[in-house]
């Protein structure tokens, strides 16, 4: 939810996300299959609001949430709906991208979405006033850090870690990306990839999808319980 990377290597797409949250939030339900609007989807579930920050559908569409838009915003409670529920509304539609173009986000807290759909990559943003869409090159690598937890300077520093890691590893695999997301700057508890800010805000889990032809693999690592979950399905 707060650090996301997109890597394309040898026609394989790897999308990895670290979820940073207050530890008082209940532990997420590990990824499992659900059916929404007749669509088969897989996601880890936030038991508090019922939504998610990372979801994959039966077509291999991936939607990942980051809190905040371009810069850190002032929270203006109460909001109309959880951002995690917005994610489920989008993925359960016939086309998440078209749904985004039409949906009303008035009184929804600012957020960023990374959407991989029909072999296209989009950055979708809501800043509390207007929506924006950025069409990204899927043959390039991308990284995002949440503006609510990381300043512009720190986000740029974290991006440098990402691109340096890629430059130093000519062959990128899903295991290497999981290692990057789990161990990069592991002594830096404030701004490393896995944070622990005074045992109040922590990186709770890492979720990854690997899309290769019509096969999708989903890995989920719960950093609190140190348990791993994996699922594989054939996209249609």
Protein backbone atom coordinates (compact mmCIF):
# COMPACT_ATOMS: atom_id res chain seq x y z
CA UNK A 1 0.00 0.00 0.00
CA UNK A 2 2.90 2.31 0.58
CA UNK A 3 5.73 1.05 -1.64
CA UNK A 4 4.98 -0.44 -5.06
CA UNK A 5 7.30 -1.58 -7.83
CA UNK A 6 6.59 -2.66 -11.40
CA UNK A 7 9.18 -4.68 -13.30
CA UNK A 8 8.98 -6.19 -16.78
CA UNK A 9 11.64 -8.81 -17.48
CA UNK A 10 11.67 -11.39 -20.29
CA UNK A 11 7.95 -10.82 -20.95
CA UNK A 12 7.17 -11.44 -17.28
CA UNK A 13 5.44 -8.75 -15.21
CA UNK A 14 6.31 -8.54 -11.50
CA UNK A 15 4.29 -6.16 -9.29
CA UNK A 16 5.30 -6.00 -5.62
CA UNK A 17 3.76 -3.98 -2.80
CA UNK A 18 4.72 -3.27 0.82
CA UNK A 19 1.87 -2.46 3.18
CA UNK A 20 2.75 0.11 5.85
CA UNK A 21 0.10 0.53 8.54
CA UNK A 22 -0.42 1.30 12.21
CA UNK A 23 0.00 -1.93 14.14
CA UNK A 24 -3.30 -1.37 15.96
CA UNK A 25 -5.05 -2.18 12.68
CA UNK A 26 -6.25 -5.81 12.63
CA UNK A 27 -4.13 -8.28 10.69
CA UNK A 28 -5.23 -8.77 7.09
CA UNK A 29 -6.95 -11.96 5.99
CA UNK A 30 -4.45 -13.74 3.67
CA UNK A 31 -5.19 -13.75 -0.08
CA UNK A 32 -8.08 -15.99 -1.09
CA UNK A 33 -10.62 -16.30 -3.87
CA UNK A 34 -13.76 -14.19 -3.88
CA UNK A 35 -16.50 -13.67 -6.45
CA UNK A 36 -17.73 -10.10 -7.06
CA UNK A 37 -20.21 -9.29 -9.83
CA UNK A 38 -19.54 -12.74 -11.24
CA UNK A 39 -15.78 -12.17 -11.46
CA UNK A 40 -13.23 -14.39 -9.77
CA UNK A 41 -10.73 -12.24 -7.87
CA UNK A 42 -7.97 -12.83 -5.35
CA UNK A 43 -6.91 -10.39 -2.67
CA UNK A 44 -5.75 -10.01 0.95
CA UNK A 45 -8.66 -8.53 2.88
CA UNK A 46 -8.62 -5.71 5.41
CA UNK A 47 -11.03 -6.97 8.10
CA UNK A 48 -11.64 -3.47 9.45
CA UNK A 49 -13.23 -1.91 6.34
CA UNK A 50 -13.60 -5.03 4.19
CA UNK A 51 -11.53 -3.62 1.34
CA UNK A 52 -8.06 -4.31 0.03
CA UNK A 53 -4.89 -2.63 -1.21
CA UNK A 54 -3.90 -5.34 -3.71
CA UNK A 55 -6.18 -7.35 -5.99
CA UNK A 56 -5.86 -9.54 -9.09
CA UNK A 57 -8.75 -10.69 -11.27
CA UNK A 58 -9.28 -13.72 -13.51
CA UNK A 59 -7.99 -11.81 -16.55
CA UNK A 60 -4.66 -11.02 -14.92
CA UNK A 61 -5.63 -7.42 -14.17
CA UNK A 62 -3.74 -6.07 -11.14
CA UNK A 63 -4.80 -3.07 -9.07
CA UNK A 64 -2.63 -1.74 -6.23
CA UNK A 65 -3.44 1.11 -3.84
CA UNK A 66 -1.13 3.71 -2.30
CA UNK A 67 -2.36 6.25 0.23
CA UNK A 68 -2.09 9.86 -0.88
CA UNK A 69 -1.61 11.57 -4.24
CA UNK A 70 1.25 13.89 -5.26
CA UNK A 71 1.95 15.40 -1.84
CA UNK A 72 0.86 14.74 1.73
CA UNK A 73 -2.69 15.99 2.33
CA UNK A 74 -4.63 17.17 5.34
CA UNK A 75 -7.07 14.54 6.56
CA UNK A 76 -10.65 15.83 6.51
CA UNK A 77 -12.83 13.31 8.30
CA UNK A 78 -15.34 11.85 7.86
CA UNK A 79 -14.82 10.42 4.38
CA UNK A 80 -17.65 8.82 2.44
CA UNK A 81 -16.01 5.46 1.80
CA UNK A 82 -12.81 3.51 2.38
CA UNK A 83 -10.29 3.65 -0.45
CA UNK A 84 -9.94 -0.12 -0.18
CA UNK A 85 -13.61 -0.47 -1.11
CA UNK A 86 -13.01 1.74 -4.15
CA UNK A 87 -10.41 -0.81 -5.27
CA UNK A 88 -12.98 -3.62 -5.07
CA UNK A 89 -15.60 -1.59 -6.94
CA UNK A 90 -13.14 -1.01 -9.76
CA UNK A 91 -11.82 -4.57 -10.07
CA UNK A 92 -15.34 -6.05 -10.03
CA UNK A 93 -16.37 -3.90 -13.02
CA UNK A 94 -16.07 -5.05 -16.63
CA UNK A 95 -13.20 -2.58 -17.16
CA UNK A 96 -11.45 -0.95 -14.17
CA UNK A 97 -9.98 1.77 -16.40
CA UNK A 98 -13.38 2.72 -17.84
CA UNK A 99 -14.91 2.56 -14.36
CA UNK A 100 -12.24 4.99 -13.13
CA UNK A 101 -13.07 7.44 -15.91
CA UNK A 102 -16.72 7.54 -14.85
CA UNK A 103 -16.67 7.11 -11.07
CA UNK A 104 -17.49 9.86 -8.57
CA UNK A 105 -14.77 10.34 -5.95
CA UNK A 106 -16.24 13.30 -4.12
CA UNK A 107 -15.42 13.13 -0.39
CA UNK A 108 -12.94 10.26 -0.83
CA UNK A 109 -9.48 10.61 0.75
CA UNK A 110 -6.67 11.16 -1.82
CA UNK A 111 -4.95 8.08 -3.20
CA UNK A 112 -2.87 6.64 -6.04
CA UNK A 113 -3.60 3.45 -7.96
CA UNK A 114 -1.27 1.34 -10.07
CA UNK A 115 -3.37 -0.48 -12.67
CA UNK A 116 -2.11 -3.17 -15.03
CA UNK A 117 -4.89 -4.04 -17.48
CA UNK A 118 -4.87 -5.54 -20.97
CA UNK A 119 -1.06 -5.27 -21.16
CA UNK A 120 -1.23 -1.56 -20.33
CA UNK A 121 0.04 0.21 -17.22
CA UNK A 122 -1.66 3.24 -15.70
CA UNK A 123 -1.03 5.52 -12.75
CA UNK A 124 -4.41 6.77 -11.54
CA UNK A 125 -4.58 9.58 -8.99
CA UNK A 126 -7.24 11.38 -6.99
CA UNK A 127 -5.96 14.43 -5.10
CA UNK A 128 -9.27 15.26 -3.43
CA UNK A 129 -10.25 17.69 -6.20
CA UNK A 130 -9.59 16.02 -9.53
CA UNK A 131 -8.57 12.74 -11.10
CA UNK A 132 -5.52 12.24 -13.30
CA UNK A 133 -4.37 9.41 -15.56
CA UNK A 134 -0.81 8.66 -16.61
CA UNK A 135 -0.21 5.96 -19.24
CA UNK A 136 3.15 4.31 -18.49
CA UNK A 137 5.53 2.25 -20.63
CA UNK A 138 5.26 -1.42 -19.58
CA UNK A 139 8.73 -2.08 -20.98
CA UNK A 140 10.24 0.20 -18.35
CA UNK A 141 10.50 -0.28 -14.60
CA UNK A 142 8.63 1.93 -12.14
CA UNK A 143 8.45 2.51 -8.39
CA UNK A 144 6.12 4.46 -6.11
CA UNK A 145 6.22 5.47 -2.44
CA UNK A 146 3.26 6.87 -0.55
CA UNK A 147 3.26 10.65 -0.16
CA UNK A 148 1.58 10.32 3.24
CA UNK A 149 4.60 8.59 4.79
CA UNK A 150 7.54 9.78 2.70
CA UNK A 151 8.61 13.29 1.73
CA UNK A 152 9.49 14.11 -1.88
CA UNK A 153 13.20 13.88 -1.06
CA UNK A 154 12.81 10.48 0.60
CA UNK A 155 10.65 9.21 -2.27
CA UNK A 156 13.40 10.21 -4.69
CA UNK A 157 16.02 8.49 -2.53
CA UNK A 158 13.97 5.30 -2.43
CA UNK A 159 13.62 5.43 -6.23
CA UNK A 160 17.43 5.62 -6.47
CA UNK A 161 17.70 2.45 -4.36
CA UNK A 162 15.31 0.75 -6.78
CA UNK A 163 17.10 1.72 -9.98
CA UNK A 164 20.52 1.00 -8.47
CA UNK A 165 19.29 -2.45 -7.47
CA UNK A 166 18.09 -3.12 -11.02
CA UNK A 167 21.36 -1.86 -12.51
CA UNK A 168 23.32 -4.21 -10.25
CA UNK A 169 21.16 -7.24 -11.10
CA UNK A 170 21.16 -8.01 -14.81
CA UNK A 171 18.68 -10.86 -14.33
CA UNK A 172 15.63 -9.89 -12.29
CA UNK A 173 13.40 -12.56 -10.76
CA UNK A 174 10.39 -12.50 -8.46
CA UNK A 175 12.60 -13.77 -5.61
CA UNK A 176 15.04 -10.92 -6.11
CA UNK A 177 12.20 -8.40 -6.08
CA UNK A 178 10.85 -9.89 -2.85
CA UNK A 179 14.34 -9.63 -1.38
CA UNK A 180 14.60 -6.00 -2.48
CA UNK A 181 11.26 -5.15 -0.87
CA UNK A 182 12.10 -6.97 2.35
CA UNK A 183 15.75 -6.17 3.00
CA UNK A 184 16.71 -2.89 1.28
CA UNK A 185 18.12 -0.44 3.84
CA UNK A 186 16.91 -2.76 6.61
CA UNK A 187 18.73 -0.75 9.28
CA UNK A 188 16.79 2.36 8.27
CA UNK A 189 13.58 1.88 10.25
CA UNK A 190 12.19 5.30 9.29
CA UNK A 191 12.57 5.22 5.50
CA UNK A 192 13.84 1.77 4.48
CA UNK A 193 11.63 -0.57 2.50
CA UNK A 194 10.50 -2.26 5.73
CA UNK A 195 9.82 0.34 8.41
CA UNK A 196 9.22 0.27 12.14
CA UNK A 197 8.46 3.70 13.51
CA UNK A 198 8.43 3.38 17.30
CA UNK A 199 6.36 0.19 17.11
CA UNK A 200 3.42 2.31 15.99
CA UNK A 201 3.76 2.29 12.19
CA UNK A 202 5.20 -0.84 10.58
CA UNK A 203 5.47 -2.63 7.28
CA UNK A 204 2.98 -5.42 7.91
CA UNK A 205 3.20 -7.47 4.72
CA UNK A 206 4.56 -7.81 1.20
CA UNK A 207 2.32 -8.91 -1.66
CA UNK A 208 3.49 -9.78 -5.15
CA UNK A 209 1.97 -10.97 -8.41
CA UNK A 210 3.95 -12.54 -11.25
CA UNK A 211 2.22 -12.55 -14.65
CA UNK A 212 3.67 -14.79 -17.31
CA UNK A 213 1.59 -15.45 -20.44
CA UNK A 214 -1.74 -16.66 -19.03
CA UNK A 215 -0.42 -17.75 -15.63
CA UNK A 216 -0.61 -15.55 -12.55
CA UNK A 217 1.21 -16.35 -9.32
CA UNK A 218 0.46 -14.45 -6.12
CA UNK A 219 2.81 -14.41 -3.15
CA UNK A 220 1.94 -12.87 0.21
CA UNK A 221 4.34 -12.58 3.14
CA UNK A 222 2.92 -11.63 6.52
CA UNK A 223 5.86 -9.97 8.28
CA UNK A 224 4.14 -10.00 11.67
CA UNK A 225 3.42 -13.73 11.83
CA UNK A 226 6.27 -14.63 9.42
CA UNK A 227 3.91 -16.76 7.35
CA UNK A 228 3.88 -17.07 3.57
CA UNK A 229 0.96 -17.71 1.24
CA UNK A 230 1.03 -18.51 -2.46
CA UNK A 231 -1.65 -19.02 -5.09
CA UNK A 232 -1.45 -19.74 -8.79
CA UNK A 233 -4.23 -19.54 -11.36
CA UNK A 234 -4.66 -19.50 -15.08
CA UNK A 235 -6.03 -16.22 -16.43
CA UNK A 236 -8.64 -16.27 -19.20
